C-alpha cells in the first residue's frame, strides 16, 4: 500500500512539473526579438573629480 501511495505522489509531482513546463516553454519564443546593446556608456572615469590644487585648498576655507 505504501508503494502505491509513493507512486501516486510521484505522479502528482510529475504532472505539476509537466504543466509548469508547458506553460513556461512558450516564453522562449518571446526572447528571440531582444536587441543587443550598442556601445557601452562611460563608466565612473567621467565622474571622477580632480584633486584641488594647493592654492585652492588654502583659499577654500
C-alpha atoms as a PDB file:
ATOM      1  CA  UNK A   1       0.000   0.000   0.000  1.00  0.00           C
ATOM      2  CA  UNK A   2       2.829   2.413   0.827  1.00  0.00           C
ATOM      3  CA  UNK A   3       4.488   1.742  -2.521  1.00  0.00           C
ATOM      4  CA  UNK A   4       1.295   2.688  -4.342  1.00  0.00           C
ATOM      5  CA  UNK A   5       0.978   5.864  -2.267  1.00  0.00           C
ATOM      6  CA  UNK A   6       4.529   6.891  -3.107  1.00  0.00           C
ATOM      7  CA  UNK A   7       3.956   6.194  -6.784  1.00  0.00           C
ATOM      8  CA  UNK A   8       0.786   8.305  -6.858  1.00  0.00           C
ATOM      9  CA  UNK A   9       2.593  11.149  -5.077  1.00  0.00           C
ATOM     10  CA  UNK A  10       5.394  10.952  -7.657  1.00  0.00           C
ATOM     11  CA  UNK A  11       2.861  11.047 -10.489  1.00  0.00           C
ATOM     12  CA  UNK A  12       1.186  14.124  -8.956  1.00  0.00           C
ATOM     13  CA  UNK A  13       4.519  15.949  -8.776  1.00  0.00           C
ATOM     14  CA  UNK A  14       5.357  14.856 -12.291  1.00  0.00           C
ATOM     15  CA  UNK A  15       2.080  16.228 -13.638  1.00  0.00           C
ATOM     16  CA  UNK A  16       2.558  19.550 -11.848  1.00  0.00           C
ATOM     17  CA  UNK A  17       6.055  19.929 -13.280  1.00  0.00           C
ATOM     18  CA  UNK A  18       4.753  18.892 -16.690  1.00  0.00           C
ATOM     19  CA  UNK A  19       2.049  21.586 -16.678  1.00  0.00           C
ATOM     20  CA  UNK A  20       4.511  24.196 -15.418  1.00  0.00           C
ATOM     21  CA  UNK A  21       6.938  23.347 -18.220  1.00  0.00           C
ATOM     22  CA  UNK A  22       4.211  23.506 -20.845  1.00  0.00           C
ATOM     23  CA  UNK A  23       3.078  26.919 -19.594  1.00  0.00           C
ATOM     24  CA  UNK A  24       6.592  28.414 -19.435  1.00  0.00           C
ATOM     25  CA  UNK A  25       8.032  26.887 -22.627  1.00  0.00           C
ATOM     26  CA  UNK A  26       6.368  29.435 -24.985  1.00  0.00           C
ATOM     27  CA  UNK A  27       8.281  32.207 -23.211  1.00  0.00           C
ATOM     28  CA  UNK A  28      11.364  31.031 -25.107  1.00  0.00           C
ATOM     29  CA  UNK A  29       9.748  32.287 -28.295  1.00  0.00           C
ATOM     30  CA  UNK A  30       9.432  35.769 -26.802  1.00  0.00           C
ATOM     31  CA  UNK A  31      13.172  36.039 -26.130  1.00  0.00           C
ATOM     32  CA  UNK A  32      14.001  35.845 -29.832  1.00  0.00           C
ATOM     33  CA  UNK A  33      13.379  39.551 -30.530  1.00  0.00           C
ATOM     34  CA  UNK A  34      15.734  41.099 -27.986  1.00  0.00           C
ATOM     35  CA  UNK A  35      18.113  43.650 -29.443  1.00  0.00           C
ATOM     36  CA  UNK A  36      21.735  43.527 -28.454  1.00  0.00           C
ATOM     37  CA  UNK A  37      23.056  46.612 -26.720  1.00  0.00           C
ATOM     38  CA  UNK A  38      25.090  49.195 -28.536  1.00  0.00           C
ATOM     39  CA  UNK A  39      28.134  50.998 -27.266  1.00  0.00           C
ATOM     40  CA  UNK A  40      28.545  50.892 -23.508  1.00  0.00           C
ATOM     41  CA  UNK A  41      28.103  54.178 -21.614  1.00  0.00           C
ATOM     42  CA  UNK A  42      31.186  55.676 -19.976  1.00  0.00           C
ATOM     43  CA  UNK A  43      31.968  54.224 -16.582  1.00  0.00           C
ATOM     44  CA  UNK A  44      32.996  56.085 -13.461  1.00  0.00           C
ATOM     45  CA  UNK A  45      36.019  57.653 -15.132  1.00  0.00           C
ATOM     46  CA  UNK A  46      33.997  60.600 -16.416  1.00  0.00           C
ATOM     47  CA  UNK A  47      32.580  61.290 -12.949  1.00  0.00           C
ATOM     48  CA  UNK A  48      35.896  61.467 -11.090  1.00  0.00           C
ATOM     49  CA  UNK A  49      36.718  64.977  -9.907  1.00  0.00           C
ATOM     50  CA  UNK A  50      40.268  66.232  -9.924  1.00  0.00           C
ATOM     51  CA  UNK A  51      42.043  66.971  -6.681  1.00  0.00           C
ATOM     52  CA  UNK A  52      42.106  70.691  -5.841  1.00  0.00           C
ATOM     53  CA  UNK A  53      45.468  72.351  -6.170  1.00  0.00           C
ATOM     54  CA  UNK A  54      47.416  73.520  -3.145  1.00  0.00           C
ATOM     55  CA  UNK A  55      46.325  77.154  -3.616  1.00  0.00           C
ATOM     56  CA  UNK A  56      42.667  76.156  -3.923  1.00  0.00           C
ATOM     57  CA  UNK A  57      42.877  74.120  -0.709  1.00  0.00           C
ATOM     58  CA  UNK A  58      44.314  77.045   1.251  1.00  0.00           C
ATOM     59  CA  UNK A  59      41.901  79.610  -0.193  1.00  0.00           C
ATOM     60  CA  UNK A  60      38.825  77.397   0.290  1.00  0.00           C
ATOM     61  CA  UNK A  61      38.254  77.970   3.909  1.00  0.00           C
END
